[in-house]
Structure formats: structure tokens, C-alpha cells
Amino acid sequence: MRRVCLDVTGCILLMAMATLAAYGSPFANAASVLELGMGARALGLGEAFVAIADDESALFYNPAGLAWHKGFSLLSSFETRLLEAGCGHISAVRGNLGIGVHYFDFGAVPETDEFGNAIGTFSYRTFALLAGAGLSAADLPLFSSMPMAESAALGLGVKLLSVDTLGPGDGTGFAIDLPFLLRFDSPPFGRDLINQFAFGILLQNVLGTPISYESGHAENWVKKVVLGTSVEIAEQLVIALRIASDNTASLGIEWAPISGISARIGLKRDRVWIWSLGTGVRYGKLAFDMALNAHPHLQDQIRGSLGIHW
């Protein structure tokens, strides 16, 4: 069983790495707003979440993780950036299905005529409607008889993006993500120490329509491959790693010394090194998380999120 586990994981990793070059390119369009992420827990981990994907944020980082989600839950977060700009999201997950809204509002921007006279204000806003689903391979007839079917999940993520600003800059477009997650709650190795091992893949924007503007301009969604792995040790410590084809990488550590209380630290390489810190409190049906993202050149990012689970 251990050999099968390692062989399958290795094959998946090799296939995914082979596609990195084809999908790797820098992002520079309206869809970049989605790079702001979702949820304070993932931000505190440096966004090394593609292999963890065990809460509502899986809708954004790896919808395949929704395959093991139970019950009904809500998650919302908000933050302020760049003085007046604000962004956040609200999402709902029921069983293995999720839907959410992600938004960014730049705030009031002065509008002037050709002579520099103030004639009012305008803003730049983006709204993204997210939908996702995850299914265990054990529930799919084609894969149900395969080894480790109960430990593997496939998914689907759909994003509809709308840009609202001055007329010619208004635009819409949609894209589809293909996620995969392999999670062993009782891995065939390190049984005395390791409680869970996971490996995830997210193929971003593999299909879709360009973001088309009223001006006639169109932007293609940037294709990207995200790989991640995580390990839970002694039911207290989670270590997660993420690498992507856009030359970014993240390392996140979550420590839960007391039931319901967590501390997090993350390090992300995105052309510069970015540190993040976070904490979380779980009490009954409620979960509150905070995160600080310390960028070396830009304003620090502070995000809070509130989750409710039934």
C-alpha cells in the first residue's frame, strides 16, 4: 500500500511539473485582482493552501477539497488596502458545493476634463462570482474501484469576472479551474507521528472566454499551474508548501497548541519576500481569523474573516 501511494503521488507530480512551462507567464490584467486571495487563515499561511483546502476557502484555493466538506457554512472577510481601496468576499458552502462573491473597490477617484478641472469622481470596481464543487473518486463509477479512491478528489471551479468603471473600461469574462487533491488521513508512512498527508494540484483558467471591454479591447486569462503539499504532525502542527508556474512559492506553518486556538506564520516569494502572521479562534460554530501580510514596499495588509458552520 505504501508503494502504491508513493508511485501514484510521484506520477501525478511528474505530470504536473511537465505542464508548468506551458502554463507559466506573468499576470497583468483585470483578473489579477483575484491574486488578492480569500480568507484570513490562508493569508496567514502565505497562501500555501492548495493542499490543505479543508475549510470554506477551498472554494478559492482548491475546490476539490469540498469533496470532504460536511454541513452548511458561511465565510466572509474584509480588508482595506491602498488608503481608500477595500476588498473582501462572502461565500456559502453546502456539502460539496460552494458559491461566493469576491469584490474589489478602489474608492472615489477624482475625474477631470482636458483642462484639469474637476468634474466629479469615478471608481474602479471588480466583482467575481465563484462557484465550485468537489467529488471523491470513490463516488465516481470510473474511479471507484481504483486503489486509494476514498483518498482522492476531483473538482471544478468557475469564475465570472465583471469590471465596473468608466464606460469603455467596463468588461466581463469567465474562466474554469480544474483541481485535484490527494489526502491521507492515516498515511501509510510515519503513522506514529504523521496524522495527515496531502498533495494538491490546481490548473487555473484552462478554459474560458477573454475579459472583453466595451472599448473593444480583450484580455486573456493567464493560465497557471499551482502545486502544493501539506503534512499534519502530532495533531498540532501543519506544514504546507506551495509552488506555481508564475515563479511564486509559499511556505506556511500552523500550530494549534490548544484546541480551538491556532497561530500561523507564512513566507511567500512573489518577486520579493513577503512575511505573514495569523491567528485563529474556534468556538462552537464560530471561527474568527486575523492575518497580517507585511510587504517590503507596499502598505501592510490586514485581513479579518468570520466563519459560521452548522
Protein backbone atom coordinates (compact mmCIF):
# COMPACT_ATOMS: atom_id res chain seq x y z
CA MET A 1 0.00 0.00 0.00
CA ARG A 2 2.83 2.37 0.83
CA ARG A 3 4.50 1.66 -2.53
CA VAL A 4 1.25 2.27 -4.42
CA CYS A 5 0.75 5.55 -2.57
CA LEU A 6 4.23 6.80 -3.39
CA ASP A 7 4.07 5.65 -7.03
CA VAL A 8 0.73 7.34 -7.71
CA THR A 9 1.78 10.56 -5.99
CA GLY A 10 5.06 10.58 -7.89
CA CYS A 11 3.37 10.09 -11.26
CA ILE A 12 0.92 12.89 -10.57
CA LEU A 13 3.74 15.19 -9.51
CA LEU A 14 5.79 14.44 -12.64
CA MET A 15 2.84 15.06 -14.95
CA ALA A 16 2.02 18.32 -13.24
CA MET A 17 5.62 19.55 -13.33
CA ALA A 18 5.75 18.78 -17.05
CA THR A 19 2.94 21.28 -17.66
CA LEU A 20 4.47 24.12 -15.64
CA ALA A 21 6.38 25.64 -18.53
CA ALA A 22 3.33 25.67 -20.80
CA TYR A 23 1.24 27.48 -18.23
CA GLY A 24 3.86 29.82 -16.80
CA SER A 25 3.52 33.54 -17.60
CA PRO A 26 3.25 36.76 -15.57
CA PHE A 27 -0.18 38.19 -14.84
CA ALA A 28 -1.07 41.74 -15.87
CA ASN A 29 -4.81 42.11 -16.40
CA ALA A 30 -8.08 42.73 -14.57
CA ALA A 31 -8.17 39.13 -13.32
CA SER A 32 -5.10 39.96 -11.22
CA VAL A 33 -7.50 41.17 -8.53
CA LEU A 34 -8.14 37.51 -7.72
CA GLU A 35 -4.48 37.24 -6.71
CA LEU A 36 -5.51 39.06 -3.52
CA GLY A 37 -6.75 35.70 -2.23
CA MET A 38 -9.59 34.73 0.05
CA GLY A 39 -9.87 34.28 3.81
CA ALA A 40 -7.56 35.29 6.65
CA ARG A 41 -6.43 31.77 7.51
CA ALA A 42 -4.88 31.14 4.10
CA LEU A 43 -3.29 34.59 4.07
CA GLY A 44 -1.63 33.90 7.43
CA LEU A 45 -0.09 30.78 5.86
CA GLY A 46 1.38 32.73 2.96
CA GLU A 47 -1.44 31.28 0.81
CA ALA A 48 0.13 27.83 0.96
CA PHE A 49 -3.37 26.35 1.00
CA VAL A 50 -3.83 24.32 -2.17
CA ALA A 51 -3.06 21.05 -0.33
CA ILE A 52 -4.81 21.97 2.94
CA ALA A 53 -8.17 23.08 1.44
CA ASP A 54 -10.14 21.87 4.47
CA ASP A 55 -12.46 24.84 5.07
CA GLU A 56 -14.62 27.25 3.06
CA SER A 57 -11.53 28.82 1.46
CA ALA A 58 -11.20 25.62 -0.58
CA LEU A 59 -13.74 27.24 -2.92
CA PHE A 60 -10.96 29.64 -3.96
CA TYR A 61 -7.71 27.69 -3.46
CA ASN A 62 -8.71 24.13 -4.38
CA PRO A 63 -12.41 23.25 -4.89
CA ALA A 64 -11.54 19.53 -4.84
CA GLY A 65 -11.26 19.90 -1.05
CA LEU A 66 -15.03 20.46 -0.93
CA ALA A 67 -15.43 16.72 -1.52
CA TRP A 68 -14.98 16.17 2.24
CA HIS A 69 -16.89 19.22 3.44
CA LYS A 70 -19.92 18.42 5.60
CA GLY A 71 -22.89 20.53 6.65
CA PHE A 72 -23.52 24.17 5.75
CA SER A 73 -21.13 27.04 6.37
CA LEU A 74 -20.62 30.73 5.63
CA LEU A 75 -17.37 32.66 5.39
CA SER A 76 -16.81 36.39 4.99
CA SER A 77 -13.74 38.63 5.13
CA PHE A 78 -12.83 42.25 4.62
CA GLU A 79 -9.68 44.34 4.41
CA THR A 80 -8.59 47.83 3.42
CA ARG A 81 -5.73 48.44 1.03
CA LEU A 82 -4.10 51.45 -0.60
CA LEU A 83 -5.82 54.03 1.62
CA GLU A 84 -9.45 54.07 0.35
CA ALA A 85 -9.44 50.77 -1.52
CA GLY A 86 -11.23 47.83 0.04
CA CYS A 87 -11.74 44.20 -0.87
CA GLY A 88 -13.40 41.15 0.57
CA HIS A 89 -15.67 38.24 -0.08
CA ILE A 90 -18.62 36.27 1.19
CA SER A 91 -19.20 32.61 0.39
CA ALA A 92 -21.51 29.76 1.29
CA VAL A 93 -20.74 26.05 1.16
CA ARG A 94 -23.31 23.27 1.39
CA GLY A 95 -21.89 19.77 1.32
CA ASN A 96 -19.54 19.52 -1.63
CA LEU A 97 -20.89 22.62 -3.43
CA GLY A 98 -19.88 26.23 -2.88
CA ILE A 99 -20.63 29.70 -4.22
CA GLY A 100 -19.11 33.06 -3.37
CA VAL A 101 -18.65 36.70 -4.35
CA HIS A 102 -15.23 38.36 -4.36
CA TYR A 103 -15.03 42.16 -4.77
CA PHE A 104 -12.51 44.98 -5.00
CA ASP A 105 -13.40 48.70 -4.82
CA PHE A 106 -10.68 51.26 -5.42
CA GLY A 107 -12.76 54.06 -3.87
CA ALA A 108 -13.56 57.52 -5.21
CA VAL A 109 -11.10 58.78 -7.84
CA PRO A 110 -11.29 62.45 -8.97
CA GLU A 111 -12.34 62.88 -12.61
CA THR A 112 -11.13 65.91 -14.57
CA ASP A 113 -11.69 67.33 -18.03
CA GLU A 114 -8.98 68.04 -20.59
CA PHE A 115 -8.21 71.34 -18.83
CA GLY A 116 -7.68 69.73 -15.43
CA ASN A 117 -10.99 70.95 -13.99
CA ALA A 118 -12.72 68.61 -11.53
CA ILE A 119 -15.97 67.32 -12.99
CA GLY A 120 -16.77 64.58 -10.47
CA THR A 121 -15.46 61.24 -9.31
CA PHE A 122 -15.39 57.69 -10.59
CA SER A 123 -14.23 54.35 -9.24
CA TYR A 124 -12.76 51.07 -10.37
CA ARG A 125 -14.64 48.04 -9.10
CA THR A 126 -14.38 44.35 -9.88
CA PHE A 127 -16.78 41.62 -8.85
CA ALA A 128 -16.09 37.93 -9.24
CA LEU A 129 -18.76 35.27 -8.85
CA LEU A 130 -17.14 31.99 -7.81
CA ALA A 131 -18.71 28.52 -7.93
CA GLY A 132 -17.02 25.23 -7.13
CA ALA A 133 -17.62 21.55 -6.47
CA GLY A 134 -15.58 18.61 -5.28
CA LEU A 135 -16.21 14.89 -5.65
CA SER A 136 -14.45 11.96 -4.06
CA ALA A 137 -13.08 9.49 -6.60
CA ALA A 138 -14.92 6.79 -4.64
CA ASP A 139 -18.22 8.37 -5.77
CA LEU A 140 -17.29 8.25 -9.46
CA PRO A 141 -18.00 4.91 -11.22
CA LEU A 142 -14.91 5.21 -13.40
CA PHE A 143 -12.55 5.58 -10.42
CA SER A 144 -14.38 3.95 -7.51
CA SER A 145 -12.55 0.62 -7.85
CA MET A 146 -9.09 2.18 -8.02
CA PRO A 147 -6.68 1.99 -5.06
CA MET A 148 -6.96 4.96 -2.69
CA ALA A 149 -10.20 6.13 -4.34
CA GLU A 150 -11.50 7.38 -0.98
CA SER A 151 -8.37 9.49 -0.54
CA ALA A 152 -8.56 11.24 -3.93
CA ALA A 153 -10.89 14.01 -5.05
CA LEU A 154 -11.53 15.88 -8.29
CA GLY A 155 -13.25 19.22 -8.63
CA LEU A 156 -14.36 22.10 -10.79
CA GLY A 157 -14.10 25.85 -10.25
CA VAL A 158 -15.86 28.54 -12.28
CA LYS A 159 -15.12 32.29 -12.13
CA LEU A 160 -17.23 35.06 -13.68
CA LEU A 161 -15.45 38.43 -13.52
CA SER A 162 -17.09 41.83 -14.05
CA VAL A 163 -15.25 45.18 -14.22
CA ASP A 164 -17.22 48.37 -13.48
CA THR A 165 -15.58 51.74 -14.15
CA LEU A 166 -15.84 54.46 -16.84
CA GLY A 167 -17.83 53.17 -19.81
CA PRO A 168 -15.06 51.99 -22.16
CA GLY A 169 -13.40 50.14 -19.27
CA ASP A 170 -16.42 48.00 -18.35
CA GLY A 171 -15.88 44.34 -19.14
CA THR A 172 -16.76 40.72 -18.36
CA GLY A 173 -15.24 37.28 -18.80
CA PHE A 174 -15.26 33.82 -17.25
CA ALA A 175 -12.77 31.02 -16.70
CA ILE A 176 -12.70 27.43 -15.44
CA ASP A 177 -10.24 25.83 -13.00
CA LEU A 178 -9.53 22.11 -12.72
CA PRO A 179 -8.42 20.99 -9.22
CA PHE A 180 -7.19 17.71 -7.76
CA LEU A 181 -6.46 16.68 -4.17
CA LEU A 182 -4.96 13.55 -2.66
CA ARG A 183 -5.44 13.38 1.13
CA PHE A 184 -4.49 10.56 3.50
CA ASP A 185 -5.93 10.91 7.00
CA SER A 186 -3.94 7.82 8.01
CA PRO A 187 -0.95 7.81 5.66
CA PRO A 188 0.91 4.51 5.13
CA PHE A 189 4.11 6.11 6.44
CA GLY A 190 5.05 7.81 9.70
CA ARG A 191 1.92 6.50 11.41
CA ASP A 192 3.20 7.29 14.90
CA LEU A 193 3.83 10.93 14.09
CA ILE A 194 2.03 11.99 10.90
CA ASN A 195 -1.76 12.31 11.12
CA GLN A 196 -2.41 13.54 7.60
CA PHE A 197 -0.58 13.98 4.33
CA ALA A 198 -1.97 15.78 1.27
CA PHE A 199 -0.93 16.72 -2.24
CA GLY A 200 -2.92 19.13 -4.41
CA ILE A 201 -2.92 20.47 -7.96
CA LEU A 202 -4.85 23.45 -9.32
CA LEU A 203 -4.92 24.14 -13.06
CA GLN A 204 -6.12 27.72 -13.28
CA ASN A 205 -8.01 29.26 -16.22
CA VAL A 206 -7.69 26.24 -18.50
CA LEU A 207 -10.90 27.18 -20.32
CA GLY A 208 -13.00 30.32 -20.61
CA THR A 209 -13.67 33.48 -22.56
CA PRO A 210 -11.41 36.56 -22.60
CA ILE A 211 -12.28 39.56 -20.46
CA SER A 212 -13.90 41.75 -23.13
CA TYR A 213 -14.33 45.51 -22.65
CA GLU A 214 -16.76 47.99 -24.20
CA SER A 215 -13.77 49.69 -25.84
CA GLY A 216 -13.24 46.53 -27.92
CA HIS A 217 -10.11 45.52 -26.03
CA ALA A 218 -9.90 41.94 -24.71
CA GLU A 219 -7.57 40.28 -22.18
CA ASN A 220 -6.89 36.58 -21.95
CA TRP A 221 -6.94 34.84 -18.60
CA VAL A 222 -3.44 33.82 -17.57
CA LYS A 223 -3.05 30.06 -17.32
CA LYS A 224 -1.25 28.81 -14.25
CA VAL A 225 -0.40 25.55 -12.50
CA VAL A 226 -0.29 25.52 -8.70
CA LEU A 227 1.16 22.56 -6.79
CA GLY A 228 1.03 22.05 -3.05
CA THR A 229 1.71 19.55 -0.32
CA SER A 230 0.97 19.55 3.41
CA VAL A 231 1.60 17.35 6.41
CA GLU A 232 -0.06 17.34 9.84
CA ILE A 233 2.18 16.27 12.71
CA ALA A 234 1.05 15.13 16.17
CA GLU A 235 -2.40 16.68 15.65
CA GLN A 236 -0.93 20.10 16.44
CA LEU A 237 1.38 21.20 13.65
CA VAL A 238 0.61 21.66 9.94
CA ILE A 239 3.38 22.45 7.45
CA ALA A 240 2.37 23.38 3.90
CA LEU A 241 4.32 24.17 0.74
CA ARG A 242 3.08 25.76 -2.50
CA ILE A 243 4.83 26.37 -5.83
CA ALA A 244 3.33 27.79 -9.02
CA SER A 245 4.22 28.26 -12.65
CA ASP A 246 4.29 32.07 -12.25
CA ASN A 247 7.52 31.66 -10.26
CA THR A 248 5.86 32.18 -6.89
CA ALA A 249 6.31 29.89 -3.90
CA SER A 250 4.99 29.78 -0.33
CA LEU A 251 5.69 28.07 2.95
CA GLY A 252 3.12 28.08 5.75
CA ILE A 253 3.10 26.71 9.29
CA GLU A 254 0.06 26.42 11.57
CA TRP A 255 0.39 25.45 15.23
CA ALA A 256 -2.61 24.58 17.42
CA PRO A 257 -1.23 24.00 20.94
CA ILE A 258 -4.73 24.26 22.45
CA SER A 259 -7.96 23.03 20.91
CA GLY A 260 -9.68 25.93 19.15
CA ILE A 261 -6.66 28.28 19.11
CA SER A 262 -4.12 28.48 16.27
CA ALA A 263 -1.06 30.55 15.42
CA ARG A 264 0.29 30.84 11.88
CA ILE A 265 3.30 32.09 10.00
CA GLY A 266 3.92 32.21 6.27
CA LEU A 267 6.60 33.22 3.80
CA LYS A 268 5.82 33.90 0.15
CA ARG A 269 8.20 34.59 -2.71
CA ASP A 270 6.47 36.79 -5.32
CA ARG A 271 9.39 38.72 -6.86
CA VAL A 272 10.02 39.89 -3.29
CA TRP A 273 9.89 38.07 0.04
CA ILE A 274 6.61 38.64 1.90
CA TRP A 275 6.09 37.58 5.52
CA SER A 276 2.67 36.91 7.02
CA LEU A 277 1.40 36.20 10.51
CA GLY A 278 -2.01 35.00 11.61
CA THR A 279 -4.12 33.66 14.42
CA GLY A 280 -7.44 31.87 14.67
CA VAL A 281 -10.04 31.13 17.33
CA ARG A 282 -12.72 28.45 17.05
CA TYR A 283 -15.64 28.42 19.49
CA GLY A 284 -18.63 26.22 18.82
CA LYS A 285 -20.00 27.07 15.38
CA LEU A 286 -17.94 30.26 15.04
CA ALA A 287 -14.44 30.75 13.64
CA PHE A 288 -12.60 34.09 13.68
CA ASP A 289 -9.26 34.59 11.93
CA MET A 290 -6.88 37.52 11.54
CA ALA A 291 -3.82 37.87 9.33
CA LEU A 292 -1.10 40.44 8.73
CA ASN A 293 0.77 40.43 5.43
CA ALA A 294 3.97 42.51 5.60
CA HIS A 295 5.02 43.63 2.10
CA PRO A 296 8.54 45.15 1.93
CA HIS A 297 7.45 48.02 -0.36
CA LEU A 298 3.65 48.36 -0.14
CA GLN A 299 1.28 49.08 2.71
CA ASP A 300 0.82 46.21 5.18
CA GLN A 301 -2.25 44.10 4.51
CA ILE A 302 -4.57 43.29 7.43
CA ARG A 303 -7.47 40.91 6.88
CA GLY A 304 -10.12 39.55 9.18
CA SER A 305 -12.61 36.78 8.44
CA LEU A 306 -15.59 35.28 10.21
CA GLY A 307 -16.95 31.79 9.57
CA ILE A 308 -20.07 30.02 10.77
CA HIS A 309 -20.56 26.27 10.43
CA TRP A 310 -23.73 24.23 11.02
